[in-house]
Amino acid sequence: MSEIVITWSVAIPLLLLALFIGWRPLGQLRQKLRSQRLISGYGIARLDNVILDDGMGGQKVVEHILLTPEGLLLLLPRHCDGALFGSEKIDNWTQMPGSGKSFHFENPLHQLEDLLATLRYHLPGIPLQGRVLFSGRCRFPKGRPERLLLIDELAGQEGRVDQAVLPVIEEAWQKLQSQPRAEQSTDDSVYTVSYLRLWSAALLALGSVAWVAWRLV
């Protein structure tokens, strides 16, 4: 067996294995970066994972707060695939990702309202809106409840940042900036990326390149 055959008989399987391991997490990473870019472009400024006293002896973590010309916008991110069924007054929504399976999860609008109440407690009188922001390949066959946004709907909204903000809103924003931050999102299912698989794929690819370089020197 020639040296070239031996070299590539090791390098090619390593590259294929790296591609197999890393393809999905690489796609997840691209989706996460795109989502974060679209969220940032929807407002003039952005704060993440702000810890606030809820006024009842507890704390809430607000994952995304945007400063906009109309006031403050709270975004509650959720990631779902498949068909979603729910309304504002139903306690539990249904997700059908396919293959006849179905899952139930708590109405995210209830959590959104709790977070809005916490923000109103700290910033009374400030214009404030909230939306549940869905990413993933999801759809609402029976109609989409109000106060929901799909991540793709944020695209093309960058023009909002050129508009002025009222001084009272800027003061409220400065108050929020002084609040402590959580280290990461409270919902680990949002924008999940398997960094272990991504690093494993990168090491395999690097090992393949190093092997070829060593054999050809």
C-alpha atoms as a PDB file:
ATOM      1  CA  MET A   1       0.000   0.000   0.000  1.00  0.00           C
ATOM      2  CA  SER A   2       1.462   3.369  -1.031  1.00  0.00           C
ATOM      3  CA  GLU A   3       2.207   6.150   1.423  1.00  0.00           C
ATOM      4  CA  ILE A   4      -0.450   8.406  -0.164  1.00  0.00           C
ATOM      5  CA  VAL A   5      -3.143   5.753   0.231  1.00  0.00           C
ATOM      6  CA  ILE A   6      -2.218   5.228   3.867  1.00  0.00           C
ATOM      7  CA  THR A   7      -2.225   8.962   4.501  1.00  0.00           C
ATOM      8  CA  TRP A   8      -5.674   9.607   3.037  1.00  0.00           C
ATOM      9  CA  SER A   9      -7.188   6.379   4.380  1.00  0.00           C
ATOM     10  CA  VAL A  10      -6.725   7.908   7.839  1.00  0.00           C
ATOM     11  CA  ALA A  11      -7.397  11.572   7.019  1.00  0.00           C
ATOM     12  CA  ILE A  12     -10.650  11.127   5.100  1.00  0.00           C
ATOM     13  CA  PRO A  13     -12.467   9.055   7.780  1.00  0.00           C
ATOM     14  CA  LEU A  14     -11.410  11.610  10.390  1.00  0.00           C
ATOM     15  CA  LEU A  15     -12.825  14.440   8.278  1.00  0.00           C
ATOM     16  CA  LEU A  16     -16.062  12.542   7.658  1.00  0.00           C
ATOM     17  CA  LEU A  17     -16.415  11.823  11.364  1.00  0.00           C
ATOM     18  CA  ALA A  18     -15.786  15.500  12.147  1.00  0.00           C
ATOM     19  CA  LEU A  19     -18.486  16.484   9.661  1.00  0.00           C
ATOM     20  CA  PHE A  20     -20.926  13.969  11.134  1.00  0.00           C
ATOM     21  CA  ILE A  21     -20.335  15.142  14.695  1.00  0.00           C
ATOM     22  CA  GLY A  22     -20.175  18.860  13.975  1.00  0.00           C
ATOM     23  CA  TRP A  23     -22.855  19.427  11.329  1.00  0.00           C
ATOM     24  CA  ARG A  24     -25.801  19.757  13.713  1.00  0.00           C
ATOM     25  CA  PRO A  25     -24.135  21.909  16.413  1.00  0.00           C
ATOM     26  CA  LEU A  26     -22.665  24.119  13.686  1.00  0.00           C
ATOM     27  CA  GLY A  27     -26.179  24.712  12.384  1.00  0.00           C
ATOM     28  CA  GLN A  28     -27.354  25.426  15.931  1.00  0.00           C
ATOM     29  CA  LEU A  29     -24.552  27.940  16.393  1.00  0.00           C
ATOM     30  CA  ARG A  30     -25.415  29.703  13.135  1.00  0.00           C
ATOM     31  CA  GLN A  31     -29.061  29.871  14.209  1.00  0.00           C
ATOM     32  CA  LYS A  32     -28.109  31.285  17.595  1.00  0.00           C
ATOM     33  CA  LEU A  33     -25.857  33.975  16.120  1.00  0.00           C
ATOM     34  CA  ARG A  34     -28.515  34.952  13.581  1.00  0.00           C
ATOM     35  CA  SER A  35     -31.190  35.146  16.281  1.00  0.00           C
ATOM     36  CA  GLN A  36     -29.015  37.302  18.508  1.00  0.00           C
ATOM     37  CA  ARG A  37     -28.214  39.612  15.585  1.00  0.00           C
ATOM     38  CA  LEU A  38     -31.893  40.026  14.715  1.00  0.00           C
ATOM     39  CA  ILE A  39     -32.826  40.732  18.339  1.00  0.00           C
ATOM     40  CA  SER A  40     -30.108  43.370  18.671  1.00  0.00           C
ATOM     41  CA  GLY A  41     -31.154  45.035  15.420  1.00  0.00           C
ATOM     42  CA  TYR A  42     -34.754  45.391  16.610  1.00  0.00           C
ATOM     43  CA  GLY A  43     -33.881  48.019  19.204  1.00  0.00           C
ATOM     44  CA  ILE A  44     -31.548  50.914  19.871  1.00  0.00           C
ATOM     45  CA  ALA A  45     -29.918  49.117  22.791  1.00  0.00           C
ATOM     46  CA  ARG A  46     -30.295  45.782  24.540  1.00  0.00           C
ATOM     47  CA  LEU A  47     -29.938  44.249  27.997  1.00  0.00           C
ATOM     48  CA  ASP A  48     -29.866  40.500  28.689  1.00  0.00           C
ATOM     49  CA  ASN A  49     -30.615  38.396  31.777  1.00  0.00           C
ATOM     50  CA  VAL A  50     -31.464  41.314  34.068  1.00  0.00           C
ATOM     51  CA  ILE A  51     -32.238  40.260  37.647  1.00  0.00           C
ATOM     52  CA  LEU A  52     -35.117  42.209  39.207  1.00  0.00           C
ATOM     53  CA  ASP A  53     -36.902  42.063  42.555  1.00  0.00           C
ATOM     54  CA  ASP A  54     -40.513  41.115  41.813  1.00  0.00           C
ATOM     55  CA  GLY A  55     -41.909  43.106  44.757  1.00  0.00           C
ATOM     56  CA  MET A  56     -43.109  39.954  46.552  1.00  0.00           C
ATOM     57  CA  GLY A  57     -39.880  38.734  48.090  1.00  0.00           C
ATOM     58  CA  GLY A  58     -38.671  36.926  44.990  1.00  0.00           C
ATOM     59  CA  GLN A  59     -36.639  37.633  41.889  1.00  0.00           C
ATOM     60  CA  LYS A  60     -37.242  37.439  38.159  1.00  0.00           C
ATOM     61  CA  VAL A  61     -34.713  37.158  35.345  1.00  0.00           C
ATOM     62  CA  VAL A  62     -35.714  39.144  32.261  1.00  0.00           C
ATOM     63  CA  GLU A  63     -33.876  37.581  29.351  1.00  0.00           C
ATOM     64  CA  HIS A  64     -34.126  40.376  26.770  1.00  0.00           C
ATOM     65  CA  ILE A  65     -35.083  44.030  27.212  1.00  0.00           C
ATOM     66  CA  LEU A  66     -34.829  46.340  24.221  1.00  0.00           C
ATOM     67  CA  LEU A  67     -34.775  50.120  24.168  1.00  0.00           C
ATOM     68  CA  THR A  68     -37.015  51.325  21.320  1.00  0.00           C
ATOM     69  CA  PRO A  69     -38.397  54.721  20.261  1.00  0.00           C
ATOM     70  CA  GLU A  70     -41.834  53.643  21.560  1.00  0.00           C
ATOM     71  CA  GLY A  71     -40.568  52.597  24.991  1.00  0.00           C
ATOM     72  CA  LEU A  72     -39.169  49.359  26.421  1.00  0.00           C
ATOM     73  CA  LEU A  73     -39.804  46.009  24.777  1.00  0.00           C
ATOM     74  CA  LEU A  74     -39.492  42.772  26.746  1.00  0.00           C
ATOM     75  CA  LEU A  75     -38.787  39.654  24.705  1.00  0.00           C
ATOM     76  CA  LEU A  76     -39.322  36.193  26.180  1.00  0.00           C
ATOM     77  CA  PRO A  77     -37.525  33.680  23.891  1.00  0.00           C
ATOM     78  CA  ARG A  78     -38.880  30.231  23.207  1.00  0.00           C
ATOM     79  CA  HIS A  79     -37.642  27.603  20.734  1.00  0.00           C
ATOM     80  CA  CYS A  80     -40.140  25.169  19.242  1.00  0.00           C
ATOM     81  CA  ASP A  81     -40.434  23.061  16.119  1.00  0.00           C
ATOM     82  CA  GLY A  82     -43.618  21.781  14.539  1.00  0.00           C
ATOM     83  CA  ALA A  83     -47.249  22.787  14.914  1.00  0.00           C
ATOM     84  CA  LEU A  84     -48.255  24.792  17.989  1.00  0.00           C
ATOM     85  CA  PHE A  85     -51.769  25.097  19.369  1.00  0.00           C
ATOM     86  CA  GLY A  86     -52.749  27.556  22.080  1.00  0.00           C
ATOM     87  CA  SER A  87     -54.515  30.758  22.984  1.00  0.00           C
ATOM     88  CA  GLU A  88     -54.098  33.494  25.559  1.00  0.00           C
ATOM     89  CA  LYS A  89     -56.581  31.957  28.028  1.00  0.00           C
ATOM     90  CA  ILE A  90     -55.470  28.315  27.797  1.00  0.00           C
ATOM     91  CA  ASP A  91     -53.117  27.272  30.606  1.00  0.00           C
ATOM     92  CA  ASN A  92     -51.251  24.624  28.597  1.00  0.00           C
ATOM     93  CA  TRP A  93     -50.323  24.728  24.929  1.00  0.00           C
ATOM     94  CA  THR A  94     -49.666  21.760  22.658  1.00  0.00           C
ATOM     95  CA  GLN A  95     -46.658  21.165  20.448  1.00  0.00           C
ATOM     96  CA  MET A  96     -46.750  18.563  17.668  1.00  0.00           C
ATOM     97  CA  PRO A  97     -43.236  18.236  16.203  1.00  0.00           C
ATOM     98  CA  GLY A  98     -44.244  15.358  13.931  1.00  0.00           C
ATOM     99  CA  SER A  99     -44.547  11.568  13.829  1.00  0.00           C
ATOM    100  CA  GLY A 100     -47.837  11.759  15.717  1.00  0.00           C
ATOM    101  CA  LYS A 101     -46.156  12.895  18.926  1.00  0.00           C
ATOM    102  CA  SER A 102     -47.444  15.763  21.039  1.00  0.00           C
ATOM    103  CA  PHE A 103     -46.144  17.644  24.045  1.00  0.00           C
ATOM    104  CA  HIS A 104     -47.718  20.099  26.437  1.00  0.00           C
ATOM    105  CA  PHE A 105     -46.065  23.173  27.901  1.00  0.00           C
ATOM    106  CA  GLU A 106     -47.152  26.088  30.042  1.00  0.00           C
ATOM    107  CA  ASN A 107     -48.696  29.059  28.291  1.00  0.00           C
ATOM    108  CA  PRO A 108     -45.699  31.392  27.823  1.00  0.00           C
ATOM    109  CA  LEU A 109     -47.977  34.449  27.842  1.00  0.00           C
ATOM    110  CA  HIS A 110     -48.550  33.877  31.563  1.00  0.00           C
ATOM    111  CA  GLN A 111     -44.823  34.092  32.262  1.00  0.00           C
ATOM    112  CA  LEU A 112     -44.604  37.103  29.966  1.00  0.00           C
ATOM    113  CA  GLU A 113     -47.250  38.907  32.014  1.00  0.00           C
ATOM    114  CA  ASP A 114     -45.406  38.095  35.264  1.00  0.00           C
ATOM    115  CA  LEU A 115     -42.217  39.613  33.837  1.00  0.00           C
ATOM    116  CA  LEU A 116     -44.074  42.693  32.606  1.00  0.00           C
ATOM    117  CA  ALA A 117     -45.591  43.155  36.071  1.00  0.00           C
ATOM    118  CA  THR A 118     -42.092  43.053  37.563  1.00  0.00           C
ATOM    119  CA  LEU A 119     -40.847  45.685  35.139  1.00  0.00           C
ATOM    120  CA  ARG A 120     -43.872  47.904  35.835  1.00  0.00           C
ATOM    121  CA  TYR A 121     -43.115  47.617  39.553  1.00  0.00           C
ATOM    122  CA  HIS A 122     -39.652  49.089  38.971  1.00  0.00           C
ATOM    123  CA  LEU A 123     -40.569  51.510  36.184  1.00  0.00           C
ATOM    124  CA  PRO A 124     -44.094  52.829  36.768  1.00  0.00           C
ATOM    125  CA  GLY A 125     -45.486  54.979  33.979  1.00  0.00           C
ATOM    126  CA  ILE A 126     -42.882  53.930  31.404  1.00  0.00           C
ATOM    127  CA  PRO A 127     -44.239  52.735  28.031  1.00  0.00           C
ATOM    128  CA  LEU A 128     -43.718  48.987  28.104  1.00  0.00           C
ATOM    129  CA  GLN A 129     -44.619  46.139  25.788  1.00  0.00           C
ATOM    130  CA  GLY A 130     -43.863  42.423  25.803  1.00  0.00           C
ATOM    131  CA  ARG A 131     -43.682  39.678  23.216  1.00  0.00           C
ATOM    132  CA  VAL A 132     -42.972  35.964  23.280  1.00  0.00           C
ATOM    133  CA  LEU A 133     -40.322  35.415  20.618  1.00  0.00           C
ATOM    134  CA  PHE A 134     -40.435  32.000  18.946  1.00  0.00           C
ATOM    135  CA  SER A 135     -37.464  30.601  17.065  1.00  0.00           C
ATOM    136  CA  GLY A 136     -37.318  27.283  15.277  1.00  0.00           C
ATOM    137  CA  ARG A 137     -39.460  25.787  12.545  1.00  0.00           C
ATOM    138  CA  CYS A 138     -42.804  26.370  14.185  1.00  0.00           C
ATOM    139  CA  ARG A 139     -46.240  27.307  12.870  1.00  0.00           C
ATOM    140  CA  PHE A 140     -49.713  28.000  14.278  1.00  0.00           C
ATOM    141  CA  PRO A 141     -52.281  26.109  12.128  1.00  0.00           C
ATOM    142  CA  LYS A 142     -55.272  27.284  14.208  1.00  0.00           C
ATOM    143  CA  GLY A 143     -54.169  30.889  14.434  1.00  0.00           C
ATOM    144  CA  ARG A 144     -51.479  32.691  16.375  1.00  0.00           C
ATOM    145  CA  PRO A 145     -52.314  34.431  19.658  1.00  0.00           C
ATOM    146  CA  GLU A 146     -51.473  38.100  20.023  1.00  0.00           C
ATOM    147  CA  ARG A 147     -48.200  39.231  21.602  1.00  0.00           C
ATOM    148  CA  LEU A 148     -46.252  36.526  19.772  1.00  0.00           C
ATOM    149  CA  LEU A 149     -43.403  37.138  17.343  1.00  0.00           C
ATOM    150  CA  LEU A 150     -41.479  34.810  15.065  1.00  0.00           C
ATOM    151  CA  ILE A 151     -37.737  35.378  14.848  1.00  0.00           C
ATOM    152  CA  ASP A 152     -37.884  35.924  11.081  1.00  0.00           C
ATOM    153  CA  GLU A 153     -40.281  38.820  11.613  1.00  0.00           C
ATOM    154  CA  LEU A 154     -37.460  40.797  13.216  1.00  0.00           C
ATOM    155  CA  ALA A 155     -35.577  40.908   9.931  1.00  0.00           C
ATOM    156  CA  GLY A 156     -35.644  44.212   8.108  1.00  0.00           C
ATOM    157  CA  GLN A 157     -36.480  46.241  11.215  1.00  0.00           C
ATOM    158  CA  GLU A 158     -33.077  47.884  11.662  1.00  0.00           C
ATOM    159  CA  GLY A 159     -34.488  51.281  10.603  1.00  0.00           C
ATOM    160  CA  ARG A 160     -36.031  51.664  14.038  1.00  0.00           C
ATOM    161  CA  VAL A 161     -32.664  52.523  15.574  1.00  0.00           C
ATOM    162  CA  ASP A 162     -32.477  55.892  13.817  1.00  0.00           C
ATOM    163  CA  GLN A 163     -35.438  57.296  15.732  1.00  0.00           C
ATOM    164  CA  ALA A 164     -35.199  59.415  18.875  1.00  0.00           C
ATOM    165  CA  VAL A 165     -35.978  58.194  22.407  1.00  0.00           C
ATOM    166  CA  LEU A 166     -37.765  60.307  25.018  1.00  0.00           C
ATOM    167  CA  PRO A 167     -35.596  61.435  27.980  1.00  0.00           C
ATOM    168  CA  VAL A 168     -37.874  59.708  30.500  1.00  0.00           C
ATOM    169  CA  ILE A 169     -37.313  56.402  28.700  1.00  0.00           C
ATOM    170  CA  GLU A 170     -33.549  56.962  28.684  1.00  0.00           C
ATOM    171  CA  GLU A 171     -33.657  57.521  32.463  1.00  0.00           C
ATOM    172  CA  ALA A 172     -35.533  54.241  32.919  1.00  0.00           C
ATOM    173  CA  TRP A 173     -32.960  52.499  30.727  1.00  0.00           C
ATOM    174  CA  GLN A 174     -30.105  53.827  32.841  1.00  0.00           C
ATOM    175  CA  LYS A 175     -31.845  52.451  35.930  1.00  0.00           C
ATOM    176  CA  LEU A 176     -32.072  49.008  34.349  1.00  0.00           C
ATOM    177  CA  GLN A 177     -28.401  49.110  33.386  1.00  0.00           C
ATOM    178  CA  SER A 178     -27.484  49.333  37.069  1.00  0.00           C
ATOM    179  CA  GLN A 179     -29.289  46.073  37.904  1.00  0.00           C
ATOM    180  CA  PRO A 180     -27.348  42.790  38.377  1.00  0.00           C
ATOM    181  CA  ARG A 181     -27.231  40.217  35.574  1.00  0.00           C
ATOM    182  CA  ALA A 182     -27.575  36.462  35.535  1.00  0.00           C
ATOM    183  CA  GLU A 183     -24.687  34.555  33.965  1.00  0.00           C
ATOM    184  CA  GLN A 184     -26.899  32.803  31.412  1.00  0.00           C
ATOM    185  CA  SER A 185     -30.451  32.397  30.213  1.00  0.00           C
ATOM    186  CA  THR A 186     -32.937  30.830  32.618  1.00  0.00           C
ATOM    187  CA  ASP A 187     -34.309  28.702  29.769  1.00  0.00           C
ATOM    188  CA  ASP A 188     -31.592  26.268  28.713  1.00  0.00           C
ATOM    189  CA  SER A 189     -33.706  24.997  25.817  1.00  0.00           C
ATOM    190  CA  VAL A 190     -33.456  28.323  23.973  1.00  0.00           C
ATOM    191  CA  TYR A 191     -30.724  28.544  21.345  1.00  0.00           C
ATOM    192  CA  THR A 192     -29.098  25.344  22.643  1.00  0.00           C
ATOM    193  CA  VAL A 193     -25.719  24.584  21.100  1.00  0.00           C
ATOM    194  CA  SER A 194     -23.733  21.415  21.823  1.00  0.00           C
ATOM    195  CA  TYR A 195     -20.328  23.022  22.235  1.00  0.00           C
ATOM    196  CA  LEU A 196     -18.803  19.692  23.284  1.00  0.00           C
ATOM    197  CA  ARG A 197     -19.726  18.145  19.936  1.00  0.00           C
ATOM    198  CA  LEU A 198     -18.545  21.283  18.139  1.00  0.00           C
ATOM    199  CA  TRP A 199     -15.150  21.200  19.840  1.00  0.00           C
ATOM    200  CA  SER A 200     -14.848  17.439  19.243  1.00  0.00           C
ATOM    201  CA  ALA A 201     -15.498  17.965  15.542  1.00  0.00           C
ATOM    202  CA  ALA A 202     -12.934  20.770  15.399  1.00  0.00           C
ATOM    203  CA  LEU A 203     -10.297  18.597  17.094  1.00  0.00           C
ATOM    204  CA  LEU A 204     -10.956  15.732  14.695  1.00  0.00           C
ATOM    205  CA  ALA A 205     -10.646  18.038  11.700  1.00  0.00           C
ATOM    206  CA  LEU A 206      -7.471  19.551  13.119  1.00  0.00           C
ATOM    207  CA  GLY A 207      -6.082  16.079  13.762  1.00  0.00           C
ATOM    208  CA  SER A 208      -6.802  15.094  10.160  1.00  0.00           C
ATOM    209  CA  VAL A 209      -5.005  18.159   8.818  1.00  0.00           C
ATOM    210  CA  ALA A 210      -2.061  17.616  11.178  1.00  0.00           C
ATOM    211  CA  TRP A 211      -1.818  13.963  10.122  1.00  0.00           C
ATOM    212  CA  VAL A 212      -1.714  14.876   6.423  1.00  0.00           C
ATOM    213  CA  ALA A 213       0.851  17.616   7.026  1.00  0.00           C
ATOM    214  CA  TRP A 214       3.055  15.284   9.033  1.00  0.00           C
ATOM    215  CA  ARG A 215       2.850  12.538   6.405  1.00  0.00           C
ATOM    216  CA  LEU A 216       3.662  14.906   3.537  1.00  0.00           C
ATOM    217  CA  VAL A 217       6.608  16.630   5.194  1.00  0.00           C
END
